[in-house]
Each structure stands twice: as C-alpha cells, then as structure tokens.
C-alpha cells in the first residue's frame, strides 16, 4: 500500500508524456486520465502520510474552495477575469465542470508539500510559497488547456509576455485563490506527523511543470508558456539547492 503513490506517479508521468502525442478525442481522454491520476495521488498520499481522515478532508476542502472560486468567477469575472467553459469538459456543478475541482486537487497537495520542504518553520512563508507554486503551475497549464478548447477568455490581453491567450487577471486570481486555499490547508494539516516521504508527489509536480514546459516548446507550439514555466521554477530550484548545500553531511569522522 505504501508504494501506491509511486505507482500513481508512474502512471501519471506516462500519461502526461502521451498528451502531446495524441489529438482529438484521444487527447481529451488523456487529459481526463491525467487529472484523475493526479487527484488520486493527492488523496492517496495525504491519506497514507497523514491519515485517511486527513486525506478525505484535504479532498473536501479543495473541492469546496474550487467550486466556490470558479462559480463566482464564472458569474462575476472576479477574481480571474471573464471566461467560459466549453462542453468538452462534461457535466458541471454550478457551471463548474467536474474535472476542474479534480485538477485543483491534483495541484494543491504537491504545491503545499514543496512549500513545507522550502519553508518548514514559518506558516506565512509556507502559505506564500505554496500559493506561488500553485499559481506558477497554472501559468504552464492554462495556455495548454485553452489551446485544447476547454475554455475561452473574453479578454485574454494583457497577459504575460509570450502568452497571448490568458490574461494577467488569471494569474492574480490564482494567487488569491492559492493564498486562501493554502491557508486553510496549512491550518488543517500542518503539525500532523508525516509517516511517508513526500518524494512521489514532488516528482509528479516537477514533471508536470518542467516536463510540461518541454512538451509546450517541442510539440504543442507554446514557447511562451514553456519559457515562463522554466523562469518561475528557477527560484524554487535555487531554494532547493541552497537547502541541500546547507544540510549537514555526515562523513567518516563525524559531521562534515
């Protein structure tokens, strides 16, 4: 059972690799599979590492927050800007396709885990970093799904340089939603001892962002979002490298 997160991660990465190699209905099926695997990874890892009650609470909290933010966004344009979903995403709740809360669930847990590794001793810092990672992930993902025809922005400009299909208001909205959701998640989970390493979700996060950037530039014709994926990953990679250098290493004669 403890190997289940790695099994889900392997299946997720294999499916993500298939995305740029497919098209039409097959690509839609791949998109659904990626989100289902990613959301399952969150629930399974959270359940195994912090207890199943916590895993289910993480799922419930994320679904509630996503439906609230997305339904308000659809009705008012706040906080993301005005957008509409296509019928390709299937059934909806309050206008929000079922796939969307599952996508949030896929993204929220790895983002929070990475923040706990980078800023373990500061709740405000941890929340801010988790929200940053959460929003940065969407910078890569959103242009890909707009290209797939899953939603359309009424006013896609101004956007980040190199991305002309997604407005800057979307990034602001994701940062706001991320701060709210990560605050609630941190209050729910922080302090609960982990009984399982966080490696599998973090590998999934790294591949979905950096591997996604590679797919964008190599196969999907989205060099702008690819470049931004790399740029936004650099501070995280630098922070991880700094923590690795600062960690004491045990040598033959003691701490070196």
Protein backbone atom coordinates (compact mmCIF):
# COMPACT_ATOMS: atom_id res chain seq x y z
CA UNK A 1 0.00 0.00 0.00
CA UNK A 2 2.86 2.39 0.77
CA UNK A 3 4.04 2.00 -2.82
CA UNK A 4 0.70 3.24 -4.19
CA UNK A 5 1.87 6.91 -4.56
CA UNK A 6 4.78 5.78 -6.72
CA UNK A 7 2.51 3.60 -8.84
CA UNK A 8 0.16 6.55 -9.38
CA UNK A 9 3.10 8.87 -10.12
CA UNK A 10 4.49 6.47 -12.72
CA UNK A 11 1.12 6.16 -14.41
CA UNK A 12 0.65 9.95 -14.28
CA UNK A 13 4.03 10.65 -15.88
CA UNK A 14 3.45 8.05 -18.62
CA UNK A 15 0.05 9.54 -19.39
CA UNK A 16 1.42 13.09 -19.42
CA UNK A 17 4.08 12.02 -21.93
CA UNK A 18 1.28 10.70 -24.14
CA UNK A 19 -0.60 14.03 -24.17
CA UNK A 20 1.37 15.85 -26.90
CA UNK A 21 1.46 12.67 -28.99
CA UNK A 22 -2.33 12.39 -29.25
CA UNK A 23 -5.11 14.51 -30.69
CA UNK A 24 -8.89 14.89 -30.84
CA UNK A 25 -10.94 12.61 -28.64
CA UNK A 26 -7.88 10.62 -27.62
CA UNK A 27 -6.28 13.77 -26.22
CA UNK A 28 -9.45 14.55 -24.26
CA UNK A 29 -9.29 11.06 -22.75
CA UNK A 30 -5.63 11.60 -21.86
CA UNK A 31 -6.49 14.91 -20.16
CA UNK A 32 -9.16 13.26 -18.03
CA UNK A 33 -6.79 10.44 -17.13
CA UNK A 34 -4.04 12.85 -16.07
CA UNK A 35 -6.40 14.72 -13.77
CA UNK A 36 -7.90 11.55 -12.30
CA UNK A 37 -4.46 10.10 -11.61
CA UNK A 38 -3.17 13.37 -10.16
CA UNK A 39 -6.15 13.85 -7.86
CA UNK A 40 -5.92 10.22 -6.75
CA UNK A 41 -2.23 10.76 -5.97
CA UNK A 42 -3.14 13.67 -3.67
CA UNK A 43 -5.79 11.75 -1.75
CA UNK A 44 -3.76 8.53 -1.50
CA UNK A 45 -0.53 10.22 -0.43
CA UNK A 46 -2.27 12.52 2.05
CA UNK A 47 -4.20 9.56 3.43
CA UNK A 48 -1.17 7.31 3.77
CA UNK A 49 1.10 10.00 5.18
CA UNK A 50 -1.30 11.89 7.49
CA UNK A 51 -4.22 9.51 7.97
CA UNK A 52 -7.24 8.81 5.81
CA UNK A 53 -9.44 11.27 7.66
CA UNK A 54 -6.95 13.99 6.74
CA UNK A 55 -6.74 12.77 3.14
CA UNK A 56 -10.51 12.98 2.75
CA UNK A 57 -10.55 16.38 4.48
CA UNK A 58 -7.96 17.69 2.00
CA UNK A 59 -10.17 16.48 -0.84
CA UNK A 60 -13.31 18.02 0.62
CA UNK A 61 -11.62 21.35 1.36
CA UNK A 62 -10.14 21.61 -2.12
CA UNK A 63 -13.36 20.70 -3.91
CA UNK A 64 -15.31 23.22 -1.84
CA UNK A 65 -12.81 26.02 -2.47
CA UNK A 66 -12.54 25.29 -6.17
CA UNK A 67 -16.30 25.24 -6.77
CA UNK A 68 -16.70 28.44 -4.75
CA UNK A 69 -13.95 30.36 -6.55
CA UNK A 70 -14.80 29.03 -10.01
CA UNK A 71 -18.56 29.56 -9.75
CA UNK A 72 -18.06 33.14 -8.53
CA UNK A 73 -15.51 33.66 -11.30
CA UNK A 74 -17.94 32.44 -13.94
CA UNK A 75 -20.76 34.62 -12.63
CA UNK A 76 -18.84 37.83 -11.96
CA UNK A 77 -15.44 37.69 -13.65
CA UNK A 78 -13.76 38.03 -10.23
CA UNK A 79 -11.00 37.18 -9.45
CA UNK A 80 -9.74 35.64 -12.71
CA UNK A 81 -11.40 37.69 -15.45
CA UNK A 82 -14.28 36.71 -17.73
CA UNK A 83 -14.16 33.21 -19.21
CA UNK A 84 -16.48 30.42 -20.37
CA UNK A 85 -16.07 26.66 -20.30
CA UNK A 86 -16.73 24.53 -23.36
CA UNK A 87 -18.94 21.43 -23.36
CA UNK A 88 -15.84 19.25 -23.83
CA UNK A 89 -15.30 19.04 -20.07
CA UNK A 90 -18.62 17.31 -19.49
CA UNK A 91 -21.03 17.58 -16.52
CA UNK A 92 -20.95 20.64 -14.28
CA UNK A 93 -21.84 21.78 -10.76
CA UNK A 94 -22.90 25.44 -10.51
CA UNK A 95 -21.47 25.79 -14.01
CA UNK A 96 -18.10 24.33 -12.96
CA UNK A 97 -17.10 21.14 -14.82
CA UNK A 98 -16.38 18.19 -12.53
CA UNK A 99 -12.89 17.97 -13.99
CA UNK A 100 -11.93 21.38 -12.56
CA UNK A 101 -12.10 20.58 -8.81
CA UNK A 102 -10.15 17.39 -9.55
CA UNK A 103 -7.47 19.47 -11.30
CA UNK A 104 -7.23 21.72 -8.23
CA UNK A 105 -6.90 18.60 -6.09
CA UNK A 106 -4.10 17.35 -8.34
CA UNK A 107 -2.21 20.62 -7.87
CA UNK A 108 -2.83 21.61 -4.26
CA UNK A 109 -1.09 18.84 -2.31
CA UNK A 110 2.25 18.75 -4.19
CA UNK A 111 2.37 22.57 -4.05
CA UNK A 112 1.89 22.56 -0.27
CA UNK A 113 4.38 19.72 0.24
CA UNK A 114 7.04 21.60 -1.71
CA UNK A 115 6.41 24.70 0.43
CA UNK A 116 6.75 22.67 3.64
CA UNK A 117 10.14 21.50 2.41
CA UNK A 118 11.29 25.02 1.49
CA UNK A 119 9.84 26.95 4.45
CA UNK A 120 9.25 24.40 7.23
CA UNK A 121 9.32 26.81 10.18
CA UNK A 122 7.15 29.72 9.02
CA UNK A 123 3.43 29.42 8.39
CA UNK A 124 3.14 32.74 6.47
CA UNK A 125 6.19 31.86 4.38
CA UNK A 126 4.91 28.35 3.75
CA UNK A 127 1.50 29.63 2.65
CA UNK A 128 3.04 32.26 0.35
CA UNK A 129 5.40 29.76 -1.30
CA UNK A 130 2.61 27.19 -1.72
CA UNK A 131 0.37 29.82 -3.36
CA UNK A 132 3.26 30.83 -5.65
CA UNK A 133 3.85 27.24 -6.78
CA UNK A 134 0.12 26.66 -7.21
CA UNK A 135 -0.21 29.74 -9.45
CA UNK A 136 3.03 29.04 -11.34
CA UNK A 137 1.76 25.56 -12.23
CA UNK A 138 -1.31 27.17 -13.80
CA UNK A 139 0.86 29.52 -15.87
CA UNK A 140 2.07 26.42 -17.73
CA UNK A 141 -1.22 24.53 -17.70
CA UNK A 142 -3.72 27.23 -18.68
CA UNK A 143 -2.43 28.01 -22.21
CA UNK A 144 -2.33 24.28 -22.94
CA UNK A 145 -5.97 23.81 -21.98
CA UNK A 146 -7.08 26.97 -23.79
CA UNK A 147 -5.37 25.53 -26.87
CA UNK A 148 -7.30 22.30 -26.33
CA UNK A 149 -10.55 24.28 -26.41
CA UNK A 150 -11.61 23.59 -22.82
CA UNK A 151 -12.28 27.25 -22.01
CA UNK A 152 -12.04 30.69 -23.62
CA UNK A 153 -11.12 34.06 -22.17
CA UNK A 154 -13.28 37.06 -23.12
CA UNK A 155 -10.33 39.45 -22.79
CA UNK A 156 -7.08 37.45 -22.99
CA UNK A 157 -4.81 40.50 -23.04
CA UNK A 158 -2.81 41.91 -21.45
CA UNK A 159 -1.06 38.72 -20.48
CA UNK A 160 2.43 37.64 -19.59
CA UNK A 161 4.90 38.34 -22.43
CA UNK A 162 4.76 35.41 -24.83
CA UNK A 163 1.30 34.26 -23.66
CA UNK A 164 -1.49 35.96 -25.59
CA UNK A 165 -4.37 33.59 -24.74
CA UNK A 166 -4.54 34.02 -20.94
CA UNK A 167 -4.88 37.40 -19.15
CA UNK A 168 -2.80 38.59 -16.23
CA UNK A 169 -6.00 38.73 -14.18
CA UNK A 170 -5.98 34.92 -14.21
CA UNK A 171 -2.57 34.85 -12.54
CA UNK A 172 -3.77 37.35 -9.92
CA UNK A 173 -6.85 35.22 -9.33
CA UNK A 174 -4.81 32.05 -8.87
CA UNK A 175 -2.54 33.79 -6.39
CA UNK A 176 -5.54 34.97 -4.39
CA UNK A 177 -7.25 31.58 -4.51
CA UNK A 178 -3.95 29.92 -3.64
CA UNK A 179 -3.44 32.09 -0.57
CA UNK A 180 -6.95 31.32 0.70
CA UNK A 181 -6.77 27.60 -0.02
CA UNK A 182 -3.22 27.13 1.28
CA UNK A 183 -4.07 28.97 4.49
CA UNK A 184 -6.96 26.60 5.12
CA UNK A 185 -4.89 23.58 4.11
CA UNK A 186 -1.99 24.58 6.34
CA UNK A 187 -4.32 25.01 9.31
CA UNK A 188 -5.77 21.58 8.57
CA UNK A 189 -2.58 19.61 8.02
CA UNK A 190 0.47 21.40 9.46
CA UNK A 191 1.74 19.78 12.63
CA UNK A 192 0.43 16.34 11.75
CA UNK A 193 3.44 14.00 11.63
CA UNK A 194 4.18 12.55 8.21
CA UNK A 195 4.60 8.78 8.08
CA UNK A 196 5.54 8.66 4.39
CA UNK A 197 8.17 10.59 2.39
CA UNK A 198 6.90 13.30 0.04
CA UNK A 199 9.06 12.23 -2.92
CA UNK A 200 6.34 10.83 -5.20
CA UNK A 201 4.09 13.94 -5.26
CA UNK A 202 7.14 16.19 -5.70
CA UNK A 203 8.38 14.13 -8.66
CA UNK A 204 4.91 14.45 -10.17
CA UNK A 205 4.97 18.22 -9.64
CA UNK A 206 8.43 18.59 -11.16
CA UNK A 207 7.50 16.58 -14.23
CA UNK A 208 4.15 18.27 -14.77
CA UNK A 209 5.75 21.74 -14.71
CA UNK A 210 9.16 21.18 -16.30
CA UNK A 211 8.11 18.23 -18.48
CA UNK A 212 5.05 20.25 -19.45
CA UNK A 213 7.30 23.13 -20.47
CA UNK A 214 9.32 20.74 -22.63
CA UNK A 215 6.13 19.48 -24.30
CA UNK A 216 4.98 23.05 -24.89
CA UNK A 217 8.11 24.07 -26.75
CA UNK A 218 8.73 20.75 -28.51
CA UNK A 219 5.29 19.57 -29.59
CA UNK A 220 2.47 21.97 -28.71
CA UNK A 221 3.76 25.22 -30.21
CA UNK A 222 3.56 27.13 -26.91
CA UNK A 223 7.07 28.52 -26.38
CA UNK A 224 5.88 31.42 -24.22
CA UNK A 225 4.34 29.24 -21.51
CA UNK A 226 7.34 26.91 -21.75
CA UNK A 227 9.70 29.78 -21.04
CA UNK A 228 7.59 31.04 -18.16
CA UNK A 229 7.45 27.56 -16.67
CA UNK A 230 11.24 27.49 -16.55
CA UNK A 231 11.57 31.08 -15.30
CA UNK A 232 9.06 30.58 -12.48
CA UNK A 233 10.74 27.31 -11.50
CA UNK A 234 14.19 28.87 -11.11
CA UNK A 235 13.61 30.44 -7.64
CA UNK A 236 12.27 27.11 -6.37
CA UNK A 237 15.21 25.17 -7.81
CA UNK A 238 17.65 27.70 -6.34
CA UNK A 239 16.00 27.44 -2.91
CA UNK A 240 16.12 23.63 -3.02
CA UNK A 241 19.80 23.75 -3.99
CA UNK A 242 20.57 26.19 -1.16
CA UNK A 243 18.82 23.95 1.38
CA UNK A 244 20.74 20.93 0.09
CA UNK A 245 24.07 22.78 0.48
CA UNK A 246 23.15 23.93 3.98
CA UNK A 247 22.15 20.48 5.21
CA UNK A 248 24.84 18.93 7.45
CA UNK A 249 26.52 15.91 5.89
CA UNK A 250 27.78 13.03 7.97
CA UNK A 251 31.25 11.81 6.97
CA UNK A 252 33.55 9.11 8.31
CA UNK A 253 34.88 11.32 11.08
CA UNK A 254 31.59 12.94 12.06
CA UNK A 255 29.70 15.89 10.65
CA UNK A 256 31.40 17.36 7.58
